[in-house]
Amino acid sequence: MDTPICVSWHSNTGSRTAIIVKRGHKFLSLVFMDKGVRVKRVHLREERYMKPLTYKGGPYPILRAKRHYERHGRMCGITMSAKRALGEI
């Protein structure tokens, strides 16, 4: 996957939004908001619980999501790996 996608992820801990930043052959790397902004690797099987977010009838703009995640990271904290992943977008 070469372009990041904003998704709604229904995990066992609840529903949250995430940005898929990297897709490997076994794992997905997600940037998501928890108590701060973090990166988490999940198995590809979790992709069945994700659906793309929309905004005004189209796909959610990735730069808009990046801006929200960076703002949340400044207020609540952000890990170095999440900052690096958002910087590559």
N, C-alpha and C. Protein backbone atom coordinates (compact mmCIF):
# COMPACT_ATOMS: atom_id res chain seq x y z
N MET A 1 0.85 -1.17 0.00
CA MET A 1 0.00 0.00 0.00
C MET A 1 0.89 1.23 0.00
N ASP A 2 0.72 2.08 -0.97
CA ASP A 2 1.58 3.25 -1.07
C ASP A 2 0.90 4.52 -0.57
N THR A 3 -0.43 4.56 -0.47
CA THR A 3 -1.11 5.74 0.05
C THR A 3 -1.81 5.38 1.34
N PRO A 4 -1.71 6.25 2.35
CA PRO A 4 -2.40 6.00 3.61
C PRO A 4 -3.91 6.15 3.46
N ILE A 5 -4.65 5.45 4.30
CA ILE A 5 -6.12 5.47 4.26
C ILE A 5 -6.64 5.66 5.69
N CYS A 6 -7.65 6.51 5.84
CA CYS A 6 -8.33 6.66 7.13
C CYS A 6 -9.43 5.64 7.22
N VAL A 7 -9.47 4.91 8.33
CA VAL A 7 -10.46 3.86 8.50
C VAL A 7 -11.12 3.97 9.86
N SER A 8 -12.29 3.40 9.97
CA SER A 8 -12.97 3.19 11.23
C SER A 8 -12.71 1.74 11.62
N TRP A 9 -12.09 1.53 12.77
CA TRP A 9 -11.65 0.20 13.18
C TRP A 9 -12.47 -0.24 14.39
N HIS A 10 -13.21 -1.31 14.25
CA HIS A 10 -14.02 -1.87 15.34
C HIS A 10 -13.23 -3.00 15.98
N SER A 11 -12.47 -2.67 17.02
CA SER A 11 -11.63 -3.66 17.68
C SER A 11 -12.36 -4.22 18.90
N ASN A 12 -11.70 -5.10 19.61
CA ASN A 12 -12.33 -5.68 20.80
C ASN A 12 -12.38 -4.69 21.96
N THR A 13 -11.67 -3.56 21.85
CA THR A 13 -11.71 -2.54 22.90
C THR A 13 -12.63 -1.39 22.54
N GLY A 14 -13.34 -1.48 21.42
CA GLY A 14 -14.26 -0.43 21.01
C GLY A 14 -13.97 0.03 19.60
N SER A 15 -14.67 1.05 19.21
CA SER A 15 -14.51 1.59 17.85
C SER A 15 -13.61 2.81 17.90
N ARG A 16 -12.68 2.91 16.98
CA ARG A 16 -11.78 4.06 16.92
C ARG A 16 -11.37 4.31 15.49
N THR A 17 -10.89 5.50 15.24
CA THR A 17 -10.40 5.83 13.90
C THR A 17 -8.90 5.61 13.88
N ALA A 18 -8.41 5.27 12.71
CA ALA A 18 -6.98 5.01 12.56
C ALA A 18 -6.57 5.36 11.14
N ILE A 19 -5.27 5.53 10.95
CA ILE A 19 -4.70 5.74 9.63
C ILE A 19 -3.81 4.54 9.34
N ILE A 20 -4.10 3.84 8.25
CA ILE A 20 -3.24 2.73 7.83
C ILE A 20 -2.05 3.35 7.11
N VAL A 21 -0.86 3.27 7.71
CA VAL A 21 0.31 3.91 7.11
C VAL A 21 1.18 2.93 6.35
N LYS A 22 1.13 1.65 6.70
CA LYS A 22 1.97 0.67 6.02
C LYS A 22 1.26 -0.67 6.01
N ARG A 23 1.30 -1.33 4.87
CA ARG A 23 0.69 -2.64 4.75
C ARG A 23 1.77 -3.61 4.31
N GLY A 24 2.08 -4.56 5.18
CA GLY A 24 3.05 -5.59 4.84
C GLY A 24 2.33 -6.85 4.38
N HIS A 25 3.08 -7.93 4.24
CA HIS A 25 2.44 -9.17 3.82
C HIS A 25 1.83 -9.92 4.98
N LYS A 26 2.11 -9.47 6.22
CA LYS A 26 1.57 -10.14 7.39
C LYS A 26 0.88 -9.19 8.37
N PHE A 27 1.35 -7.94 8.44
CA PHE A 27 0.83 -6.98 9.42
C PHE A 27 0.46 -5.66 8.77
N LEU A 28 -0.44 -4.92 9.44
CA LEU A 28 -0.76 -3.54 9.09
C LEU A 28 -0.19 -2.66 10.18
N SER A 29 0.35 -1.50 9.81
CA SER A 29 0.78 -0.51 10.79
C SER A 29 -0.27 0.59 10.83
N LEU A 30 -0.82 0.82 12.01
CA LEU A 30 -1.87 1.80 12.20
C LEU A 30 -1.38 2.91 13.11
N VAL A 31 -1.74 4.14 12.79
CA VAL A 31 -1.56 5.26 13.71
C VAL A 31 -2.95 5.55 14.26
N PHE A 32 -3.08 5.55 15.59
CA PHE A 32 -4.39 5.78 16.18
C PHE A 32 -4.25 6.61 17.45
N MET A 33 -5.37 7.18 17.87
CA MET A 33 -5.40 7.99 19.09
C MET A 33 -5.87 7.13 20.25
N ASP A 34 -5.05 7.10 21.28
CA ASP A 34 -5.41 6.41 22.51
C ASP A 34 -5.35 7.49 23.60
N LYS A 35 -4.48 7.37 24.55
CA LYS A 35 -4.24 8.46 25.49
C LYS A 35 -3.30 9.48 24.87
N GLY A 36 -2.68 9.10 23.83
CA GLY A 36 -1.85 9.96 22.99
C GLY A 36 -1.97 9.40 21.58
N VAL A 37 -1.01 9.72 20.73
CA VAL A 37 -1.02 9.18 19.37
C VAL A 37 0.05 8.10 19.33
N ARG A 38 -0.33 6.91 18.87
CA ARG A 38 0.56 5.75 18.88
C ARG A 38 0.52 5.01 17.56
N VAL A 39 1.51 4.15 17.37
CA VAL A 39 1.53 3.24 16.23
C VAL A 39 1.32 1.84 16.77
N LYS A 40 0.49 1.09 16.09
CA LYS A 40 0.25 -0.30 16.51
C LYS A 40 0.27 -1.18 15.28
N ARG A 41 0.91 -2.32 15.40
CA ARG A 41 0.89 -3.31 14.32
C ARG A 41 -0.17 -4.34 14.64
N VAL A 42 -1.05 -4.58 13.67
CA VAL A 42 -2.09 -5.58 13.84
C VAL A 42 -2.01 -6.56 12.68
N HIS A 43 -2.51 -7.73 12.89
CA HIS A 43 -2.50 -8.77 11.86
C HIS A 43 -3.46 -8.40 10.74
N LEU A 44 -3.20 -8.87 9.56
CA LEU A 44 -4.05 -8.58 8.40
C LEU A 44 -5.49 -9.05 8.60
N ARG A 45 -5.71 -10.02 9.47
CA ARG A 45 -7.06 -10.50 9.75
C ARG A 45 -7.94 -9.39 10.32
N GLU A 46 -7.33 -8.42 11.00
CA GLU A 46 -8.09 -7.31 11.58
C GLU A 46 -8.69 -6.40 10.53
N GLU A 47 -8.22 -6.51 9.29
CA GLU A 47 -8.70 -5.63 8.23
C GLU A 47 -10.19 -5.85 7.95
N ARG A 48 -10.70 -7.00 8.29
CA ARG A 48 -12.13 -7.25 8.06
C ARG A 48 -12.99 -6.41 8.98
N TYR A 49 -12.44 -5.87 10.05
CA TYR A 49 -13.18 -5.02 10.98
C TYR A 49 -12.99 -3.54 10.68
N MET A 50 -12.37 -3.21 9.56
CA MET A 50 -12.11 -1.82 9.20
C MET A 50 -12.91 -1.44 7.97
N LYS A 51 -13.41 -0.21 7.98
CA LYS A 51 -14.07 0.31 6.79
C LYS A 51 -13.59 1.74 6.56
N PRO A 52 -13.45 2.14 5.31
CA PRO A 52 -12.92 3.48 5.01
C PRO A 52 -13.85 4.58 5.50
N LEU A 53 -13.25 5.66 6.00
CA LEU A 53 -14.03 6.81 6.42
C LEU A 53 -14.36 7.68 5.21
N THR A 54 -15.49 8.37 5.27
CA THR A 54 -15.88 9.28 4.19
C THR A 54 -16.05 10.68 4.74
N TYR A 55 -15.94 11.65 3.84
CA TYR A 55 -16.12 13.05 4.20
C TYR A 55 -16.77 13.74 3.01
N LYS A 56 -17.98 14.22 3.20
CA LYS A 56 -18.75 14.90 2.15
C LYS A 56 -18.88 14.03 0.90
N GLY A 57 -19.15 12.77 1.09
CA GLY A 57 -19.40 11.87 -0.02
C GLY A 57 -18.16 11.25 -0.66
N GLY A 58 -16.99 11.62 -0.24
CA GLY A 58 -15.76 11.07 -0.82
C GLY A 58 -14.89 10.48 0.28
N PRO A 59 -13.73 9.97 -0.08
CA PRO A 59 -12.83 9.44 0.95
C PRO A 59 -12.32 10.56 1.86
N TYR A 60 -12.06 10.23 3.11
CA TYR A 60 -11.62 11.22 4.08
C TYR A 60 -10.25 11.76 3.68
N PRO A 61 -10.08 13.08 3.62
CA PRO A 61 -8.78 13.65 3.22
C PRO A 61 -7.68 13.31 4.23
N ILE A 62 -6.61 12.75 3.74
CA ILE A 62 -5.54 12.27 4.63
C ILE A 62 -4.82 13.43 5.30
N LEU A 63 -4.68 14.57 4.62
CA LEU A 63 -4.00 15.71 5.24
C LEU A 63 -4.84 16.32 6.36
N ARG A 64 -6.15 16.24 6.23
CA ARG A 64 -7.03 16.70 7.31
C ARG A 64 -6.87 15.80 8.54
N ALA A 65 -6.83 14.49 8.31
CA ALA A 65 -6.65 13.55 9.42
C ALA A 65 -5.28 13.74 10.07
N LYS A 66 -4.26 13.97 9.24
CA LYS A 66 -2.90 14.20 9.76
C LYS A 66 -2.89 15.41 10.68
N ARG A 67 -3.58 16.46 10.26
CA ARG A 67 -3.63 17.69 11.07
C ARG A 67 -4.31 17.42 12.41
N HIS A 68 -5.39 16.64 12.43
CA HIS A 68 -6.09 16.31 13.68
C HIS A 68 -5.20 15.46 14.60
N TYR A 69 -4.51 14.50 14.02
CA TYR A 69 -3.65 13.63 14.82
C TYR A 69 -2.47 14.41 15.40
N GLU A 70 -1.89 15.31 14.62
CA GLU A 70 -0.77 16.10 15.13
C GLU A 70 -1.22 17.04 16.25
N ARG A 71 -2.41 17.62 16.10
CA ARG A 71 -2.93 18.51 17.15
C ARG A 71 -3.17 17.73 18.43
N HIS A 72 -3.76 16.54 18.31
CA HIS A 72 -3.99 15.70 19.49
C HIS A 72 -2.65 15.28 20.12
N GLY A 73 -1.66 15.02 19.27
CA GLY A 73 -0.35 14.64 19.77
C GLY A 73 0.33 15.75 20.55
N ARG A 74 0.14 16.99 20.12
CA ARG A 74 0.74 18.11 20.86
C ARG A 74 0.11 18.27 22.23
N MET A 75 -1.19 17.99 22.34
CA MET A 75 -1.89 18.16 23.62
C MET A 75 -1.70 16.96 24.54
N CYS A 76 -1.75 15.75 24.00
CA CYS A 76 -1.80 14.55 24.85
C CYS A 76 -0.55 13.68 24.74
N GLY A 77 0.36 14.01 23.85
CA GLY A 77 1.57 13.22 23.70
C GLY A 77 1.55 12.38 22.43
N ILE A 78 2.73 12.15 21.90
CA ILE A 78 2.87 11.38 20.67
C ILE A 78 4.17 10.60 20.75
N THR A 79 4.16 9.38 20.31
CA THR A 79 5.38 8.58 20.32
C THR A 79 6.24 8.98 19.12
N MET A 80 7.53 8.67 19.21
CA MET A 80 8.45 9.02 18.12
C MET A 80 8.09 8.28 16.84
N SER A 81 7.67 7.03 16.96
CA SER A 81 7.31 6.28 15.76
C SER A 81 6.05 6.85 15.10
N ALA A 82 5.11 7.34 15.90
CA ALA A 82 3.90 7.96 15.34
C ALA A 82 4.25 9.28 14.67
N LYS A 83 5.15 10.05 15.27
CA LYS A 83 5.57 11.31 14.67
C LYS A 83 6.28 11.07 13.35
N ARG A 84 7.09 10.03 13.29
CA ARG A 84 7.80 9.68 12.06
C ARG A 84 6.82 9.21 10.98
N ALA A 85 5.84 8.41 11.37
CA ALA A 85 4.86 7.91 10.41
C ALA A 85 3.99 9.04 9.87
N LEU A 86 3.60 9.98 10.71
CA LEU A 86 2.81 11.11 10.23
C LEU A 86 3.65 12.03 9.36
N GLY A 87 4.94 12.13 9.64
CA GLY A 87 5.81 12.96 8.83
C GLY A 87 6.01 12.43 7.43
N GLU A 88 5.87 11.11 7.25
CA GLU A 88 6.04 10.51 5.93
C GLU A 88 4.80 10.65 5.05
N ILE A 89 3.68 11.07 5.64
CA ILE A 89 2.44 11.22 4.86
C ILE A 89 2.55 12.47 4.00
